[in-house]
């Protein structure tokens, strides 16, 4: 007899592999999907984070030239060379992500274990509405950034701290990581192309952290894997990696033309309707 979560694992890997490259929260889509299937909401949230690890390999490959040049900058980390500056941005930004993201992860999991799945879904729906609003603002700013043709600039310490801290807020379910990082970079005067590049370079390390944190902090990750199954969890991550490799170029090109704020608002509306109906017993 086949494992009950075999097909869900395949589908979750597909979601992660595609949605990761859109300004929509992949962990949230997986959390909603697994919660609907009857998995505990706190475990569904952890599985959504663990699935992120599958996209790490595709992100590293996509930015392989930048990643290699940045690694070579470890020999002169404080120089004024562009990749040394990028190295400092990634290092400080990742630290700032951990400072904000880890406490949020702990708080979210504790909250989800204390409230029912339907209430948690309402919370996620509200956060999705916030993300939709943020994404609508980002879309307008991206259009302005393209027309303004802002000159290139280097990320400084303040840029790294703010961008990394904002990325950590994406540990909240419903919050888009790229939306939380690209928007402040645009606010700070980076043009659209630079903002996307810095955001996705920072994402390479964030994907590892998102996948590892549930497994090393507390027992959340172990509980999630125990309910879902170790084999199916590995399958989900493997599918996410393969789909991420195959989809990254195509999805990023589509994302440039897609009004993801509208998609997010639609998902938020559906999530709220389903959750409220469950709460009132419909």
C-alpha atoms as a PDB file:
ATOM      1  CA  UNK A   1       0.000   0.000   0.000  1.00  0.00           C
ATOM      2  CA  UNK A   2       1.353   3.424  -0.918  1.00  0.00           C
ATOM      3  CA  UNK A   3       2.282   5.993   1.729  1.00  0.00           C
ATOM      4  CA  UNK A   4      -0.648   8.355   2.460  1.00  0.00           C
ATOM      5  CA  UNK A   5       1.551  11.425   2.019  1.00  0.00           C
ATOM      6  CA  UNK A   6       3.383  10.324  -1.144  1.00  0.00           C
ATOM      7  CA  UNK A   7       1.309  12.443  -3.544  1.00  0.00           C
ATOM      8  CA  UNK A   8       1.208  15.429  -1.132  1.00  0.00           C
ATOM      9  CA  UNK A   9       5.022  15.250  -0.901  1.00  0.00           C
ATOM     10  CA  UNK A  10       5.329  15.395  -4.687  1.00  0.00           C
ATOM     11  CA  UNK A  11       2.854  18.266  -4.914  1.00  0.00           C
ATOM     12  CA  UNK A  12       4.524  20.209  -2.083  1.00  0.00           C
ATOM     13  CA  UNK A  13       7.895  19.859  -3.810  1.00  0.00           C
ATOM     14  CA  UNK A  14       6.303  21.191  -6.982  1.00  0.00           C
ATOM     15  CA  UNK A  15       4.861  24.160  -5.096  1.00  0.00           C
ATOM     16  CA  UNK A  16       8.221  24.944  -3.499  1.00  0.00           C
ATOM     17  CA  UNK A  17      10.147  24.601  -6.753  1.00  0.00           C
ATOM     18  CA  UNK A  18       7.894  27.062  -8.582  1.00  0.00           C
ATOM     19  CA  UNK A  19       6.620  29.493  -5.962  1.00  0.00           C
ATOM     20  CA  UNK A  20      10.033  30.141  -4.379  1.00  0.00           C
ATOM     21  CA  UNK A  21      10.963  32.315  -7.371  1.00  0.00           C
ATOM     22  CA  UNK A  22       7.734  34.320  -7.215  1.00  0.00           C
ATOM     23  CA  UNK A  23       7.126  37.139  -4.717  1.00  0.00           C
ATOM     24  CA  UNK A  24       4.687  34.804  -2.955  1.00  0.00           C
ATOM     25  CA  UNK A  25       5.503  32.891   0.231  1.00  0.00           C
ATOM     26  CA  UNK A  26       6.174  29.266  -0.711  1.00  0.00           C
ATOM     27  CA  UNK A  27       6.170  28.122   2.924  1.00  0.00           C
ATOM     28  CA  UNK A  28       2.716  29.645   3.324  1.00  0.00           C
ATOM     29  CA  UNK A  29       1.324  27.878   0.269  1.00  0.00           C
ATOM     30  CA  UNK A  30       2.668  24.574   1.613  1.00  0.00           C
ATOM     31  CA  UNK A  31       1.387  25.327   5.129  1.00  0.00           C
ATOM     32  CA  UNK A  32      -2.112  25.989   3.793  1.00  0.00           C
ATOM     33  CA  UNK A  33      -2.012  22.887   1.580  1.00  0.00           C
ATOM     34  CA  UNK A  34      -0.873  20.543   4.354  1.00  0.00           C
ATOM     35  CA  UNK A  35      -3.302  22.031   6.901  1.00  0.00           C
ATOM     36  CA  UNK A  36      -6.193  21.376   4.518  1.00  0.00           C
ATOM     37  CA  UNK A  37      -4.973  17.773   4.255  1.00  0.00           C
ATOM     38  CA  UNK A  38      -5.271  17.406   8.035  1.00  0.00           C
ATOM     39  CA  UNK A  39      -1.652  17.825   9.107  1.00  0.00           C
ATOM     40  CA  UNK A  40      -1.265  19.824  12.327  1.00  0.00           C
ATOM     41  CA  UNK A  41      -0.807  23.480  11.427  1.00  0.00           C
ATOM     42  CA  UNK A  42       2.444  23.793  13.402  1.00  0.00           C
ATOM     43  CA  UNK A  43       3.822  20.722  11.612  1.00  0.00           C
ATOM     44  CA  UNK A  44       2.603  22.034   8.257  1.00  0.00           C
ATOM     45  CA  UNK A  45       4.467  25.298   8.954  1.00  0.00           C
ATOM     46  CA  UNK A  46       7.690  23.415   9.776  1.00  0.00           C
ATOM     47  CA  UNK A  47       7.390  21.282   6.648  1.00  0.00           C
ATOM     48  CA  UNK A  48       6.912  24.445   4.587  1.00  0.00           C
ATOM     49  CA  UNK A  49      10.197  25.756   5.981  1.00  0.00           C
ATOM     50  CA  UNK A  50      12.044  22.455   5.492  1.00  0.00           C
ATOM     51  CA  UNK A  51      10.932  22.396   1.843  1.00  0.00           C
ATOM     52  CA  UNK A  52      12.917  25.616   1.313  1.00  0.00           C
ATOM     53  CA  UNK A  53      16.127  23.625   1.552  1.00  0.00           C
ATOM     54  CA  UNK A  54      15.358  22.002  -1.798  1.00  0.00           C
ATOM     55  CA  UNK A  55      15.555  25.348  -3.603  1.00  0.00           C
ATOM     56  CA  UNK A  56      18.993  26.136  -2.146  1.00  0.00           C
ATOM     57  CA  UNK A  57      20.834  24.068  -4.749  1.00  0.00           C
ATOM     58  CA  UNK A  58      19.056  25.784  -7.650  1.00  0.00           C
ATOM     59  CA  UNK A  59      19.708  29.232  -6.186  1.00  0.00           C
ATOM     60  CA  UNK A  60      23.390  28.403  -5.674  1.00  0.00           C
ATOM     61  CA  UNK A  61      23.674  27.161  -9.257  1.00  0.00           C
ATOM     62  CA  UNK A  62      21.820  30.180 -10.668  1.00  0.00           C
ATOM     63  CA  UNK A  63      24.217  32.552  -8.877  1.00  0.00           C
ATOM     64  CA  UNK A  64      27.250  30.271  -9.220  1.00  0.00           C
ATOM     65  CA  UNK A  65      29.499  32.949 -10.742  1.00  0.00           C
ATOM     66  CA  UNK A  66      28.608  35.501  -8.070  1.00  0.00           C
ATOM     67  CA  UNK A  67      28.860  32.838  -5.367  1.00  0.00           C
ATOM     68  CA  UNK A  68      32.337  31.746  -6.493  1.00  0.00           C
ATOM     69  CA  UNK A  69      33.594  35.303  -6.778  1.00  0.00           C
ATOM     70  CA  UNK A  70      32.173  36.080  -3.339  1.00  0.00           C
ATOM     71  CA  UNK A  71      33.883  33.027  -1.833  1.00  0.00           C
ATOM     72  CA  UNK A  72      37.202  34.138  -3.324  1.00  0.00           C
ATOM     73  CA  UNK A  73      36.680  37.515  -1.603  1.00  0.00           C
ATOM     74  CA  UNK A  74      37.147  35.712   1.737  1.00  0.00           C
ATOM     75  CA  UNK A  75      40.864  36.272   1.137  1.00  0.00           C
ATOM     76  CA  UNK A  76      40.390  40.061   1.314  1.00  0.00           C
ATOM     77  CA  UNK A  77      37.026  40.608   3.052  1.00  0.00           C
ATOM     78  CA  UNK A  78      37.586  44.248   4.028  1.00  0.00           C
ATOM     79  CA  UNK A  79      38.770  45.509   0.634  1.00  0.00           C
ATOM     80  CA  UNK A  80      36.837  47.898  -1.582  1.00  0.00           C
ATOM     81  CA  UNK A  81      36.505  45.282  -4.338  1.00  0.00           C
ATOM     82  CA  UNK A  82      32.824  44.792  -5.365  1.00  0.00           C
ATOM     83  CA  UNK A  83      32.618  41.142  -4.319  1.00  0.00           C
ATOM     84  CA  UNK A  84      34.216  41.903  -0.961  1.00  0.00           C
ATOM     85  CA  UNK A  85      31.434  44.432  -0.428  1.00  0.00           C
ATOM     86  CA  UNK A  86      28.897  41.793  -1.470  1.00  0.00           C
ATOM     87  CA  UNK A  87      30.496  39.326   0.966  1.00  0.00           C
ATOM     88  CA  UNK A  88      30.102  41.805   3.834  1.00  0.00           C
ATOM     89  CA  UNK A  89      26.493  42.479   2.806  1.00  0.00           C
ATOM     90  CA  UNK A  90      25.654  38.765   2.793  1.00  0.00           C
ATOM     91  CA  UNK A  91      27.435  38.084   6.086  1.00  0.00           C
ATOM     92  CA  UNK A  92      25.834  40.949   8.012  1.00  0.00           C
ATOM     93  CA  UNK A  93      22.465  40.467   6.311  1.00  0.00           C
ATOM     94  CA  UNK A  94      22.397  36.770   7.231  1.00  0.00           C
ATOM     95  CA  UNK A  95      23.226  37.567  10.863  1.00  0.00           C
ATOM     96  CA  UNK A  96      20.424  40.148  10.952  1.00  0.00           C
ATOM     97  CA  UNK A  97      18.054  37.586   9.424  1.00  0.00           C
ATOM     98  CA  UNK A  98      18.845  35.137  12.208  1.00  0.00           C
ATOM     99  CA  UNK A  99      18.412  37.763  14.928  1.00  0.00           C
ATOM    100  CA  UNK A 100      14.866  38.548  13.790  1.00  0.00           C
ATOM    101  CA  UNK A 101      13.843  35.300  12.119  1.00  0.00           C
ATOM    102  CA  UNK A 102      14.687  32.723  14.806  1.00  0.00           C
ATOM    103  CA  UNK A 103      12.664  34.389  17.612  1.00  0.00           C
ATOM    104  CA  UNK A 104       9.764  34.836  15.188  1.00  0.00           C
ATOM    105  CA  UNK A 105       9.931  31.157  14.234  1.00  0.00           C
ATOM    106  CA  UNK A 106       9.823  30.121  17.908  1.00  0.00           C
ATOM    107  CA  UNK A 107       6.931  32.498  18.618  1.00  0.00           C
ATOM    108  CA  UNK A 108       4.938  31.373  15.570  1.00  0.00           C
ATOM    109  CA  UNK A 109       5.322  27.694  16.353  1.00  0.00           C
ATOM    110  CA  UNK A 110       4.351  28.252  19.995  1.00  0.00           C
ATOM    111  CA  UNK A 111       1.307  30.239  18.889  1.00  0.00           C
ATOM    112  CA  UNK A 112       0.246  27.626  16.339  1.00  0.00           C
ATOM    113  CA  UNK A 113       0.488  24.885  18.958  1.00  0.00           C
ATOM    114  CA  UNK A 114      -1.791  26.891  21.254  1.00  0.00           C
ATOM    115  CA  UNK A 115      -4.567  27.779  18.816  1.00  0.00           C
ATOM    116  CA  UNK A 116      -6.675  25.713  16.471  1.00  0.00           C
ATOM    117  CA  UNK A 117      -5.806  25.201  12.842  1.00  0.00           C
ATOM    118  CA  UNK A 118      -8.748  27.298  11.636  1.00  0.00           C
ATOM    119  CA  UNK A 119      -7.740  30.289  13.764  1.00  0.00           C
ATOM    120  CA  UNK A 120      -4.167  29.892  12.536  1.00  0.00           C
ATOM    121  CA  UNK A 121      -5.452  29.959   8.953  1.00  0.00           C
ATOM    122  CA  UNK A 122      -7.283  33.219   9.670  1.00  0.00           C
ATOM    123  CA  UNK A 123      -4.016  34.686  10.972  1.00  0.00           C
ATOM    124  CA  UNK A 124      -2.241  33.509   7.824  1.00  0.00           C
ATOM    125  CA  UNK A 125      -4.980  35.045   5.659  1.00  0.00           C
ATOM    126  CA  UNK A 126      -4.584  38.414   7.375  1.00  0.00           C
ATOM    127  CA  UNK A 127      -0.801  38.288   6.916  1.00  0.00           C
ATOM    128  CA  UNK A 128      -1.334  37.437   3.239  1.00  0.00           C
ATOM    129  CA  UNK A 129      -3.450  40.584   2.910  1.00  0.00           C
ATOM    130  CA  UNK A 130      -0.539  42.551   4.369  1.00  0.00           C
ATOM    131  CA  UNK A 131       1.844  40.918   1.899  1.00  0.00           C
ATOM    132  CA  UNK A 132      -0.510  41.737  -0.992  1.00  0.00           C
ATOM    133  CA  UNK A 133      -0.521  45.381   0.043  1.00  0.00           C
ATOM    134  CA  UNK A 134       3.267  45.389   0.311  1.00  0.00           C
ATOM    135  CA  UNK A 135       3.606  43.703  -3.066  1.00  0.00           C
ATOM    136  CA  UNK A 136       1.301  46.250  -4.704  1.00  0.00           C
ATOM    137  CA  UNK A 137       3.540  49.006  -3.366  1.00  0.00           C
ATOM    138  CA  UNK A 138       6.647  47.151  -4.569  1.00  0.00           C
ATOM    139  CA  UNK A 139       5.206  46.772  -8.078  1.00  0.00           C
ATOM    140  CA  UNK A 140       4.682  50.520  -8.317  1.00  0.00           C
ATOM    141  CA  UNK A 141       8.186  51.152  -7.006  1.00  0.00           C
ATOM    142  CA  UNK A 142       9.704  48.666  -9.459  1.00  0.00           C
ATOM    143  CA  UNK A 143       8.032  50.497 -12.325  1.00  0.00           C
ATOM    144  CA  UNK A 144       9.420  53.777 -11.021  1.00  0.00           C
ATOM    145  CA  UNK A 145      12.874  52.221 -10.542  1.00  0.00           C
ATOM    146  CA  UNK A 146      12.965  51.071 -14.158  1.00  0.00           C
ATOM    147  CA  UNK A 147      11.988  54.459 -15.541  1.00  0.00           C
ATOM    148  CA  UNK A 148      14.280  56.407 -13.209  1.00  0.00           C
ATOM    149  CA  UNK A 149      17.301  54.294 -14.253  1.00  0.00           C
ATOM    150  CA  UNK A 150      18.950  54.897 -10.894  1.00  0.00           C
ATOM    151  CA  UNK A 151      22.764  54.710 -10.974  1.00  0.00           C
ATOM    152  CA  UNK A 152      24.421  51.639  -9.404  1.00  0.00           C
ATOM    153  CA  UNK A 153      25.328  51.844  -5.723  1.00  0.00           C
ATOM    154  CA  UNK A 154      27.091  49.593  -3.251  1.00  0.00           C
ATOM    155  CA  UNK A 155      25.309  48.057  -0.242  1.00  0.00           C
ATOM    156  CA  UNK A 156      26.670  49.369   3.056  1.00  0.00           C
ATOM    157  CA  UNK A 157      26.349  48.140   6.648  1.00  0.00           C
ATOM    158  CA  UNK A 158      22.989  49.848   7.154  1.00  0.00           C
ATOM    159  CA  UNK A 159      21.654  48.269   3.956  1.00  0.00           C
ATOM    160  CA  UNK A 160      22.717  44.815   5.127  1.00  0.00           C
ATOM    161  CA  UNK A 161      21.221  45.190   8.610  1.00  0.00           C
ATOM    162  CA  UNK A 162      17.866  46.533   7.410  1.00  0.00           C
ATOM    163  CA  UNK A 163      17.501  44.092   4.512  1.00  0.00           C
ATOM    164  CA  UNK A 164      18.523  41.121   6.641  1.00  0.00           C
ATOM    165  CA  UNK A 165      16.190  42.105   9.476  1.00  0.00           C
ATOM    166  CA  UNK A 166      13.307  42.500   7.035  1.00  0.00           C
ATOM    167  CA  UNK A 167      14.106  39.094   5.561  1.00  0.00           C
ATOM    168  CA  UNK A 168      13.854  37.617   9.055  1.00  0.00           C
ATOM    169  CA  UNK A 169      10.279  38.911   9.293  1.00  0.00           C
ATOM    170  CA  UNK A 170       9.443  36.519   6.455  1.00  0.00           C
ATOM    171  CA  UNK A 171       9.529  33.735   9.059  1.00  0.00           C
ATOM    172  CA  UNK A 172       5.952  34.854   9.676  1.00  0.00           C
ATOM    173  CA  UNK A 173       3.526  32.722   7.665  1.00  0.00           C
ATOM    174  CA  UNK A 174       1.968  34.697   4.854  1.00  0.00           C
ATOM    175  CA  UNK A 175       4.931  37.053   4.472  1.00  0.00           C
ATOM    176  CA  UNK A 176       6.896  36.964   1.228  1.00  0.00           C
ATOM    177  CA  UNK A 177      10.672  36.925   1.645  1.00  0.00           C
ATOM    178  CA  UNK A 178      11.425  38.709  -1.608  1.00  0.00           C
ATOM    179  CA  UNK A 179       8.719  41.272  -0.928  1.00  0.00           C
ATOM    180  CA  UNK A 180      10.266  42.035   2.451  1.00  0.00           C
ATOM    181  CA  UNK A 181      13.757  42.462   0.972  1.00  0.00           C
ATOM    182  CA  UNK A 182      13.273  44.036  -2.447  1.00  0.00           C
ATOM    183  CA  UNK A 183      10.979  46.777  -1.111  1.00  0.00           C
ATOM    184  CA  UNK A 184      13.464  48.254   1.427  1.00  0.00           C
ATOM    185  CA  UNK A 185      16.253  48.059  -1.151  1.00  0.00           C
ATOM    186  CA  UNK A 186      14.119  50.140  -3.506  1.00  0.00           C
ATOM    187  CA  UNK A 187      13.371  52.555  -0.673  1.00  0.00           C
ATOM    188  CA  UNK A 188      17.133  52.954  -0.157  1.00  0.00           C
ATOM    189  CA  UNK A 189      17.664  53.980  -3.768  1.00  0.00           C
ATOM    190  CA  UNK A 190      18.779  50.767  -5.468  1.00  0.00           C
ATOM    191  CA  UNK A 191      17.415  50.291  -8.970  1.00  0.00           C
ATOM    192  CA  UNK A 192      15.127  47.365  -9.713  1.00  0.00           C
ATOM    193  CA  UNK A 193      17.811  45.090 -11.149  1.00  0.00           C
ATOM    194  CA  UNK A 194      20.174  45.643  -8.209  1.00  0.00           C
ATOM    195  CA  UNK A 195      17.395  45.125  -5.671  1.00  0.00           C
ATOM    196  CA  UNK A 196      16.410  41.786  -7.204  1.00  0.00           C
ATOM    197  CA  UNK A 197      20.038  40.621  -7.426  1.00  0.00           C
ATOM    198  CA  UNK A 198      20.843  41.478  -3.800  1.00  0.00           C
ATOM    199  CA  UNK A 199      17.566  39.975  -2.598  1.00  0.00           C
ATOM    200  CA  UNK A 200      18.123  36.652  -4.317  1.00  0.00           C
ATOM    201  CA  UNK A 201      21.801  36.474  -3.366  1.00  0.00           C
ATOM    202  CA  UNK A 202      20.742  36.886   0.265  1.00  0.00           C
ATOM    203  CA  UNK A 203      18.117  34.201  -0.345  1.00  0.00           C
ATOM    204  CA  UNK A 204      20.791  31.578  -1.093  1.00  0.00           C
ATOM    205  CA  UNK A 205      21.824  31.460   2.566  1.00  0.00           C
ATOM    206  CA  UNK A 206      18.295  32.062   3.855  1.00  0.00           C
ATOM    207  CA  UNK A 207      17.068  28.911   2.111  1.00  0.00           C
ATOM    208  CA  UNK A 208      19.571  26.831   4.070  1.00  0.00           C
ATOM    209  CA  UNK A 209      18.614  28.507   7.331  1.00  0.00           C
ATOM    210  CA  UNK A 210      14.894  28.069   6.709  1.00  0.00           C
ATOM    211  CA  UNK A 211      15.351  24.355   6.138  1.00  0.00           C
ATOM    212  CA  UNK A 212      17.735  23.736   9.042  1.00  0.00           C
ATOM    213  CA  UNK A 213      16.215  25.885  11.820  1.00  0.00           C
ATOM    214  CA  UNK A 214      13.124  23.690  12.402  1.00  0.00           C
ATOM    215  CA  UNK A 215      15.394  20.649  12.698  1.00  0.00           C
ATOM    216  CA  UNK A 216      17.851  22.100  15.232  1.00  0.00           C
ATOM    217  CA  UNK A 217      15.703  24.419  17.379  1.00  0.00           C
ATOM    218  CA  UNK A 218      13.249  22.681  19.662  1.00  0.00           C
ATOM    219  CA  UNK A 219      11.480  19.543  18.520  1.00  0.00           C
ATOM    220  CA  UNK A 220       9.199  21.126  15.906  1.00  0.00           C
ATOM    221  CA  UNK A 221      10.996  19.796  12.889  1.00  0.00           C
ATOM    222  CA  UNK A 222      11.267  16.295  14.309  1.00  0.00           C
ATOM    223  CA  UNK A 223       7.550  16.282  15.147  1.00  0.00           C
ATOM    224  CA  UNK A 224       6.682  17.434  11.629  1.00  0.00           C
ATOM    225  CA  UNK A 225       8.885  14.793  10.006  1.00  0.00           C
ATOM    226  CA  UNK A 226       7.454  12.133  12.325  1.00  0.00           C
ATOM    227  CA  UNK A 227       3.895  12.944  11.241  1.00  0.00           C
ATOM    228  CA  UNK A 228       4.737  13.327   7.547  1.00  0.00           C
ATOM    229  CA  UNK A 229       7.323  10.568   7.308  1.00  0.00           C
ATOM    230  CA  UNK A 230      11.099  10.773   6.829  1.00  0.00           C
ATOM    231  CA  UNK A 231      11.013   9.249   3.345  1.00  0.00           C
ATOM    232  CA  UNK A 232       8.260  11.536   2.112  1.00  0.00           C
ATOM    233  CA  UNK A 233      10.013  14.567   3.619  1.00  0.00           C
ATOM    234  CA  UNK A 234      13.200  13.680   1.718  1.00  0.00           C
ATOM    235  CA  UNK A 235      11.105  13.149  -1.413  1.00  0.00           C
ATOM    236  CA  UNK A 236       9.507  16.585  -0.990  1.00  0.00           C
ATOM    237  CA  UNK A 237      12.927  18.254  -0.692  1.00  0.00           C
ATOM    238  CA  UNK A 238      14.299  16.299  -3.666  1.00  0.00           C
ATOM    239  CA  UNK A 239      11.345  17.230  -5.880  1.00  0.00           C
ATOM    240  CA  UNK A 240      11.684  20.861  -4.780  1.00  0.00           C
ATOM    241  CA  UNK A 241      15.357  20.804  -5.805  1.00  0.00           C
ATOM    242  CA  UNK A 242      14.688  19.286  -9.231  1.00  0.00           C
ATOM    243  CA  UNK A 243      11.730  21.543 -10.013  1.00  0.00           C
ATOM    244  CA  UNK A 244      13.676  24.580  -8.782  1.00  0.00           C
ATOM    245  CA  UNK A 245      16.503  23.767 -11.210  1.00  0.00           C
ATOM    246  CA  UNK A 246      14.085  23.357 -14.105  1.00  0.00           C
ATOM    247  CA  UNK A 247      11.815  26.291 -13.300  1.00  0.00           C
ATOM    248  CA  UNK A 248      14.009  29.094 -12.013  1.00  0.00           C
ATOM    249  CA  UNK A 249      14.711  30.854 -15.321  1.00  0.00           C
ATOM    250  CA  UNK A 250      11.175  30.555 -16.667  1.00  0.00           C
ATOM    251  CA  UNK A 251       9.477  31.568 -13.418  1.00  0.00           C
ATOM    252  CA  UNK A 252      11.738  34.568 -12.855  1.00  0.00           C
ATOM    253  CA  UNK A 253      10.926  35.773 -16.375  1.00  0.00           C
ATOM    254  CA  UNK A 254       7.204  35.334 -15.733  1.00  0.00           C
ATOM    255  CA  UNK A 255       7.524  37.067 -12.362  1.00  0.00           C
ATOM    256  CA  UNK A 256       8.756  40.225 -14.073  1.00  0.00           C
ATOM    257  CA  UNK A 257       5.387  40.538 -15.831  1.00  0.00           C
ATOM    258  CA  UNK A 258       3.052  38.988 -13.230  1.00  0.00           C
ATOM    259  CA  UNK A 259       1.062  41.152 -10.828  1.00  0.00           C
ATOM    260  CA  UNK A 260       1.763  38.952  -7.844  1.00  0.00           C
ATOM    261  CA  UNK A 261      -0.097  41.301  -5.508  1.00  0.00           C
ATOM    262  CA  UNK A 262      -3.354  40.298  -7.207  1.00  0.00           C
ATOM    263  CA  UNK A 263      -2.479  36.603  -6.866  1.00  0.00           C
ATOM    264  CA  UNK A 264      -1.689  37.127  -3.168  1.00  0.00           C
ATOM    265  CA  UNK A 265      -4.983  38.943  -2.540  1.00  0.00           C
ATOM    266  CA  UNK A 266      -6.893  36.072  -4.180  1.00  0.00           C
ATOM    267  CA  UNK A 267      -5.082  33.455  -2.078  1.00  0.00           C
ATOM    268  CA  UNK A 268      -5.693  35.533   1.056  1.00  0.00           C
ATOM    269  CA  UNK A 269      -9.398  35.768   0.272  1.00  0.00           C
ATOM    270  CA  UNK A 270      -9.750  32.021  -0.308  1.00  0.00           C
ATOM    271  CA  UNK A 271      -7.794  31.238   2.858  1.00  0.00           C
ATOM    272  CA  UNK A 272      -9.958  33.543   4.985  1.00  0.00           C
ATOM    273  CA  UNK A 273     -13.213  32.214   3.561  1.00  0.00           C
ATOM    274  CA  UNK A 274     -12.212  28.574   4.169  1.00  0.00           C
ATOM    275  CA  UNK A 275     -10.897  29.290   7.667  1.00  0.00           C
ATOM    276  CA  UNK A 276     -13.893  31.369   8.765  1.00  0.00           C
ATOM    277  CA  UNK A 277     -16.281  28.733   7.398  1.00  0.00           C
ATOM    278  CA  UNK A 278     -14.448  26.106   9.469  1.00  0.00           C
ATOM    279  CA  UNK A 279     -14.621  28.248  12.598  1.00  0.00           C
ATOM    280  CA  UNK A 280     -18.375  28.800  12.365  1.00  0.00           C
ATOM    281  CA  UNK A 281     -18.963  25.182  11.433  1.00  0.00           C
ATOM    282  CA  UNK A 282     -20.098  25.513   7.788  1.00  0.00           C
END
